Amino acid sequence: MAKDDLVPYVNTWFWPSCTLVGASSLCFGVYIGKITNSHEWKEIFLDYCHHKRTTHSPNPLDKIARGVMSLLKIAPK
């Protein structure tokens, strides 16, 4: 009697698969610039990462890299 109430098969892969495909398509569309201005998002992300790196973990390698970059800025092209 209890076995008659059970569903023989439940489709548990379709909607998670659709969600994964949709989310990855959205991210890829933003990345290639078809949905939004992806360059603006990249610049915001790079600025944020640079700010976090320079304020929370200033190490000697970052100081050397900043020195090299400043040298390259003043060097003639």
C-alpha atoms as a PDB file:
ATOM      1  CA  MET A   1       0.000   0.000   0.000  1.00  0.00           C
ATOM      2  CA  ALA A   2       2.815   2.437   0.775  1.00  0.00           C
ATOM      3  CA  LYS A   3       4.613   1.627  -2.471  1.00  0.00           C
ATOM      4  CA  ASP A   4       1.648   2.786  -4.544  1.00  0.00           C
ATOM      5  CA  ASP A   5       2.060   6.359  -3.252  1.00  0.00           C
ATOM      6  CA  LEU A   6       5.665   6.674  -4.422  1.00  0.00           C
ATOM      7  CA  VAL A   7       6.533   8.501  -7.613  1.00  0.00           C
ATOM      8  CA  PRO A   8       8.584   6.168  -9.828  1.00  0.00           C
ATOM      9  CA  TYR A   9      10.873   8.887 -11.217  1.00  0.00           C
ATOM     10  CA  VAL A  10      11.561  12.513 -10.333  1.00  0.00           C
ATOM     11  CA  ASN A  11      13.368  14.716 -12.799  1.00  0.00           C
ATOM     12  CA  THR A  12      16.032  16.345 -10.632  1.00  0.00           C
ATOM     13  CA  TRP A  13      18.570  17.319 -13.281  1.00  0.00           C
ATOM     14  CA  PHE A  14      16.619  19.545 -15.687  1.00  0.00           C
ATOM     15  CA  TRP A  15      16.079  22.759 -13.708  1.00  0.00           C
ATOM     16  CA  PRO A  16      19.500  22.809 -12.046  1.00  0.00           C
ATOM     17  CA  SER A  17      21.009  22.290 -15.494  1.00  0.00           C
ATOM     18  CA  CYS A  18      18.929  25.128 -16.932  1.00  0.00           C
ATOM     19  CA  THR A  19      19.977  27.403 -14.066  1.00  0.00           C
ATOM     20  CA  LEU A  20      23.642  26.584 -14.568  1.00  0.00           C
ATOM     21  CA  VAL A  21      23.468  27.129 -18.329  1.00  0.00           C
ATOM     22  CA  GLY A  22      21.543  30.387 -17.881  1.00  0.00           C
ATOM     23  CA  ALA A  23      23.899  31.791 -15.256  1.00  0.00           C
ATOM     24  CA  SER A  24      27.018  30.875 -17.206  1.00  0.00           C
ATOM     25  CA  SER A  25      25.515  32.311 -20.409  1.00  0.00           C
ATOM     26  CA  LEU A  26      24.744  35.547 -18.585  1.00  0.00           C
ATOM     27  CA  CYS A  27      28.286  35.763 -17.206  1.00  0.00           C
ATOM     28  CA  PHE A  28      29.778  35.018 -20.628  1.00  0.00           C
ATOM     29  CA  GLY A  29      27.511  37.604 -22.264  1.00  0.00           C
ATOM     30  CA  VAL A  30      28.673  40.237 -19.793  1.00  0.00           C
ATOM     31  CA  TYR A  31      32.286  39.170 -20.319  1.00  0.00           C
ATOM     32  CA  ILE A  32      32.198  39.533 -24.100  1.00  0.00           C
ATOM     33  CA  GLY A  33      30.241  42.780 -23.865  1.00  0.00           C
ATOM     34  CA  LYS A  34      26.959  41.751 -25.475  1.00  0.00           C
ATOM     35  CA  ILE A  35      24.820  42.426 -22.391  1.00  0.00           C
ATOM     36  CA  THR A  36      26.588  45.322 -20.654  1.00  0.00           C
ATOM     37  CA  ASN A  37      29.749  47.296 -21.053  1.00  0.00           C
ATOM     38  CA  SER A  38      32.113  44.593 -19.879  1.00  0.00           C
ATOM     39  CA  HIS A  39      35.162  46.839 -20.010  1.00  0.00           C
ATOM     40  CA  GLU A  40      33.626  49.026 -17.333  1.00  0.00           C
ATOM     41  CA  TRP A  41      33.054  45.988 -15.110  1.00  0.00           C
ATOM     42  CA  LYS A  42      36.627  44.848 -15.677  1.00  0.00           C
ATOM     43  CA  GLU A  43      37.975  48.287 -14.761  1.00  0.00           C
ATOM     44  CA  ILE A  44      35.859  48.417 -11.599  1.00  0.00           C
ATOM     45  CA  PHE A  45      37.022  44.937 -10.614  1.00  0.00           C
ATOM     46  CA  LEU A  46      40.681  45.730 -11.282  1.00  0.00           C
ATOM     47  CA  ASP A  47      40.447  48.978  -9.316  1.00  0.00           C
ATOM     48  CA  TYR A  48      38.833  47.135  -6.419  1.00  0.00           C
ATOM     49  CA  CYS A  49      41.477  44.384  -6.439  1.00  0.00           C
ATOM     50  CA  HIS A  50      44.283  46.910  -6.637  1.00  0.00           C
ATOM     51  CA  HIS A  51      42.821  48.902  -3.750  1.00  0.00           C
ATOM     52  CA  LYS A  52      42.433  45.795  -1.591  1.00  0.00           C
ATOM     53  CA  ARG A  53      45.921  44.551  -2.419  1.00  0.00           C
ATOM     54  CA  THR A  54      47.656  47.840  -1.696  1.00  0.00           C
ATOM     55  CA  THR A  55      45.766  48.686   1.491  1.00  0.00           C
ATOM     56  CA  HIS A  56      45.532  45.302   3.191  1.00  0.00           C
ATOM     57  CA  SER A  57      48.761  43.565   2.270  1.00  0.00           C
ATOM     58  CA  PRO A  58      51.506  45.981   1.281  1.00  0.00           C
ATOM     59  CA  ASN A  59      54.536  43.785   0.840  1.00  0.00           C
ATOM     60  CA  PRO A  60      58.024  44.436  -0.577  1.00  0.00           C
ATOM     61  CA  LEU A  61      57.146  42.968  -3.968  1.00  0.00           C
ATOM     62  CA  ASP A  62      54.303  45.452  -4.358  1.00  0.00           C
ATOM     63  CA  LYS A  63      56.669  48.288  -3.488  1.00  0.00           C
ATOM     64  CA  ILE A  64      59.121  47.074  -6.132  1.00  0.00           C
ATOM     65  CA  ALA A  65      56.334  46.715  -8.708  1.00  0.00           C
ATOM     66  CA  ARG A  66      55.060  50.236  -7.969  1.00  0.00           C
ATOM     67  CA  GLY A  67      58.602  51.562  -8.344  1.00  0.00           C
ATOM     68  CA  VAL A  68      59.042  49.834 -11.706  1.00  0.00           C
ATOM     69  CA  MET A  69      55.666  51.099 -12.918  1.00  0.00           C
ATOM     70  CA  SER A  70      56.470  54.660 -11.900  1.00  0.00           C
ATOM     71  CA  LEU A  71      59.819  54.352 -13.687  1.00  0.00           C
ATOM     72  CA  LEU A  72      58.042  53.149 -16.813  1.00  0.00           C
ATOM     73  CA  LYS A  73      55.623  56.068 -16.632  1.00  0.00           C
ATOM     74  CA  ILE A  74      58.411  58.655 -16.715  1.00  0.00           C
ATOM     75  CA  ALA A  75      60.580  56.798 -19.234  1.00  0.00           C
ATOM     76  CA  PRO A  76      60.373  58.082 -22.808  1.00  0.00           C
ATOM     77  CA  LYS A  77      58.434  55.905 -25.198  1.00  0.00           C
END
